Amino acid sequence: MKLKAKLKGDVLKCSVQAVHEMTTTVAAKENGGEANYITNIVAKVGDRVLIEVSTSEFVSKDPTLKFQVKANGIKSGDSMEVTWTDKSGKTKTDSTKVK
């Protein structure tokens, strides 16, 4: 996963790129496999949930999610943690420092 979290004034600007094949139902049927795609993404700083997103199979391979939130106490050096879960139940967690 590629993560960026940067403070600009009182706004935290974030970018998350999840590395995942995002196999759709149609592609899985053609290849004789099972559909598997990211179903949920959660970004947190400490106990504070910045964003929680439910996704479907109609998101591109290696999706990028960009968002911004009010900093409200988040400071440079804090750790932002992002976790995604896919349809098969696999999870991936990475973190980065807020700059």
C-alpha atoms as a PDB file:
ATOM      1  CA  MET A   1       0.000   0.000   0.000  1.00  0.00           C
ATOM      2  CA  LYS A   2       1.194   3.522  -0.727  1.00  0.00           C
ATOM      3  CA  LEU A   3       0.131   6.088   1.868  1.00  0.00           C
ATOM      4  CA  LYS A   4       0.527   9.841   2.207  1.00  0.00           C
ATOM      5  CA  ALA A   5      -0.792  12.083   4.991  1.00  0.00           C
ATOM      6  CA  LYS A   6       0.115  15.758   4.997  1.00  0.00           C
ATOM      7  CA  LEU A   7      -1.084  18.609   7.194  1.00  0.00           C
ATOM      8  CA  LYS A   8      -1.876  21.858   5.452  1.00  0.00           C
ATOM      9  CA  GLY A   9      -3.127  24.379   7.986  1.00  0.00           C
ATOM     10  CA  ASP A  10      -6.001  22.719   9.846  1.00  0.00           C
ATOM     11  CA  VAL A  11      -6.675  20.190   7.050  1.00  0.00           C
ATOM     12  CA  LEU A  12      -5.180  16.704   6.763  1.00  0.00           C
ATOM     13  CA  LYS A  13      -4.815  15.664   3.103  1.00  0.00           C
ATOM     14  CA  CYS A  14      -4.504  11.918   2.539  1.00  0.00           C
ATOM     15  CA  SER A  15      -3.862   9.579  -0.360  1.00  0.00           C
ATOM     16  CA  VAL A  16      -4.146   5.786  -0.193  1.00  0.00           C
ATOM     17  CA  GLN A  17      -3.251   3.413  -3.012  1.00  0.00           C
ATOM     18  CA  ALA A  18      -4.223  -0.184  -2.289  1.00  0.00           C
ATOM     19  CA  VAL A  19      -2.441  -2.859  -4.310  1.00  0.00           C
ATOM     20  CA  HIS A  20      -5.080  -5.456  -5.232  1.00  0.00           C
ATOM     21  CA  GLU A  21      -6.157  -7.312  -8.398  1.00  0.00           C
ATOM     22  CA  MET A  22      -9.870  -6.481  -7.873  1.00  0.00           C
ATOM     23  CA  THR A  23     -11.182  -9.540  -9.740  1.00  0.00           C
ATOM     24  CA  THR A  24     -14.787  -8.998 -10.832  1.00  0.00           C
ATOM     25  CA  THR A  25     -17.486 -11.660 -11.002  1.00  0.00           C
ATOM     26  CA  VAL A  26     -17.444 -11.573 -14.822  1.00  0.00           C
ATOM     27  CA  ALA A  27     -13.648 -11.954 -15.008  1.00  0.00           C
ATOM     28  CA  ALA A  28     -13.737 -14.727 -12.409  1.00  0.00           C
ATOM     29  CA  LYS A  29     -16.334 -16.683 -14.413  1.00  0.00           C
ATOM     30  CA  GLU A  30     -14.259 -16.320 -17.586  1.00  0.00           C
ATOM     31  CA  ASN A  31     -11.141 -17.609 -15.824  1.00  0.00           C
ATOM     32  CA  GLY A  32     -12.878 -20.253 -13.720  1.00  0.00           C
ATOM     33  CA  GLY A  33     -11.964 -18.585 -10.435  1.00  0.00           C
ATOM     34  CA  GLU A  34     -13.747 -16.657  -7.721  1.00  0.00           C
ATOM     35  CA  ALA A  35     -14.460 -12.952  -7.559  1.00  0.00           C
ATOM     36  CA  ASN A  36     -12.228 -11.139  -5.078  1.00  0.00           C
ATOM     37  CA  TYR A  37     -12.148  -7.404  -4.535  1.00  0.00           C
ATOM     38  CA  ILE A  38     -11.697  -4.920  -1.707  1.00  0.00           C
ATOM     39  CA  THR A  39     -14.956  -4.526   0.199  1.00  0.00           C
ATOM     40  CA  ASN A  40     -13.922  -2.124   2.982  1.00  0.00           C
ATOM     41  CA  ILE A  41     -11.230   0.491   3.644  1.00  0.00           C
ATOM     42  CA  VAL A  42     -10.726   2.219   7.018  1.00  0.00           C
ATOM     43  CA  ALA A  43      -8.243   5.022   7.771  1.00  0.00           C
ATOM     44  CA  LYS A  44      -7.504   6.029  11.386  1.00  0.00           C
ATOM     45  CA  VAL A  45      -5.253   8.289  13.388  1.00  0.00           C
ATOM     46  CA  GLY A  46      -5.138   6.846  16.892  1.00  0.00           C
ATOM     47  CA  ASP A  47      -8.716   5.896  17.817  1.00  0.00           C
ATOM     48  CA  ARG A  48     -10.203   8.484  15.448  1.00  0.00           C
ATOM     49  CA  VAL A  49     -11.699   7.042  12.251  1.00  0.00           C
ATOM     50  CA  LEU A  50     -10.942   9.489   9.431  1.00  0.00           C
ATOM     51  CA  ILE A  51     -12.863   7.630   6.736  1.00  0.00           C
ATOM     52  CA  GLU A  52     -14.556   4.271   6.283  1.00  0.00           C
ATOM     53  CA  VAL A  53     -15.490   3.228   2.761  1.00  0.00           C
ATOM     54  CA  SER A  54     -17.466   0.241   1.486  1.00  0.00           C
ATOM     55  CA  THR A  55     -16.516  -0.647  -2.075  1.00  0.00           C
ATOM     56  CA  SER A  56     -17.725  -3.038  -4.756  1.00  0.00           C
ATOM     57  CA  GLU A  57     -16.241  -5.010  -7.613  1.00  0.00           C
ATOM     58  CA  PHE A  58     -16.631  -1.975  -9.890  1.00  0.00           C
ATOM     59  CA  VAL A  59     -13.518  -0.262  -8.511  1.00  0.00           C
ATOM     60  CA  SER A  60     -10.379  -0.422 -10.652  1.00  0.00           C
ATOM     61  CA  LYS A  61      -7.305  -2.565 -10.022  1.00  0.00           C
ATOM     62  CA  ASP A  62      -4.926  -0.957  -7.468  1.00  0.00           C
ATOM     63  CA  PRO A  63      -7.464   1.734  -6.487  1.00  0.00           C
ATOM     64  CA  THR A  64      -6.408   5.151  -5.186  1.00  0.00           C
ATOM     65  CA  LEU A  65      -8.522   6.942  -2.599  1.00  0.00           C
ATOM     66  CA  LYS A  66      -7.897  10.637  -1.854  1.00  0.00           C
ATOM     67  CA  PHE A  67      -9.632  12.509   0.936  1.00  0.00           C
ATOM     68  CA  GLN A  68      -9.182  15.391   3.329  1.00  0.00           C
ATOM     69  CA  VAL A  69     -10.492  15.982   6.843  1.00  0.00           C
ATOM     70  CA  LYS A  70     -10.271  18.656   9.531  1.00  0.00           C
ATOM     71  CA  ALA A  71      -7.132  18.007  11.567  1.00  0.00           C
ATOM     72  CA  ASN A  72      -8.795  18.682  14.980  1.00  0.00           C
ATOM     73  CA  GLY A  73      -5.849  17.678  17.164  1.00  0.00           C
ATOM     74  CA  ILE A  74      -3.922  15.631  14.612  1.00  0.00           C
ATOM     75  CA  LYS A  75      -0.339  16.817  14.491  1.00  0.00           C
ATOM     76  CA  SER A  76       2.782  16.163  12.485  1.00  0.00           C
ATOM     77  CA  GLY A  77       4.401  12.895  13.583  1.00  0.00           C
ATOM     78  CA  ASP A  78       1.111  11.133  14.415  1.00  0.00           C
ATOM     79  CA  SER A  79       0.595   7.770  12.746  1.00  0.00           C
ATOM     80  CA  MET A  80      -2.167   7.182  10.184  1.00  0.00           C
ATOM     81  CA  GLU A  81      -3.163   3.525   9.843  1.00  0.00           C
ATOM     82  CA  VAL A  82      -5.107   2.180   6.857  1.00  0.00           C
ATOM     83  CA  THR A  83      -6.681  -1.282   6.666  1.00  0.00           C
ATOM     84  CA  TRP A  84      -8.471  -2.889   3.740  1.00  0.00           C
ATOM     85  CA  THR A  85     -10.472  -6.109   3.728  1.00  0.00           C
ATOM     86  CA  ASP A  86     -11.313  -8.088   0.603  1.00  0.00           C
ATOM     87  CA  LYS A  87     -14.143 -10.478  -0.239  1.00  0.00           C
ATOM     88  CA  SER A  88     -12.063 -13.532   0.706  1.00  0.00           C
ATOM     89  CA  GLY A  89     -11.528 -12.100   4.216  1.00  0.00           C
ATOM     90  CA  LYS A  90      -7.876 -11.153   3.723  1.00  0.00           C
ATOM     91  CA  THR A  91      -6.843  -7.904   5.393  1.00  0.00           C
ATOM     92  CA  LYS A  92      -3.851  -5.647   4.825  1.00  0.00           C
ATOM     93  CA  THR A  93      -2.756  -2.887   7.199  1.00  0.00           C
ATOM     94  CA  ASP A  94      -0.095  -0.246   6.664  1.00  0.00           C
ATOM     95  CA  SER A  95       0.757   2.996   8.409  1.00  0.00           C
ATOM     96  CA  THR A  96       2.569   6.253   7.726  1.00  0.00           C
ATOM     97  CA  LYS A  97       3.568   9.294   9.728  1.00  0.00           C
ATOM     98  CA  VAL A  98       1.646  12.533   9.252  1.00  0.00           C
ATOM     99  CA  LYS A  99       3.950  15.147   7.747  1.00  0.00           C
END
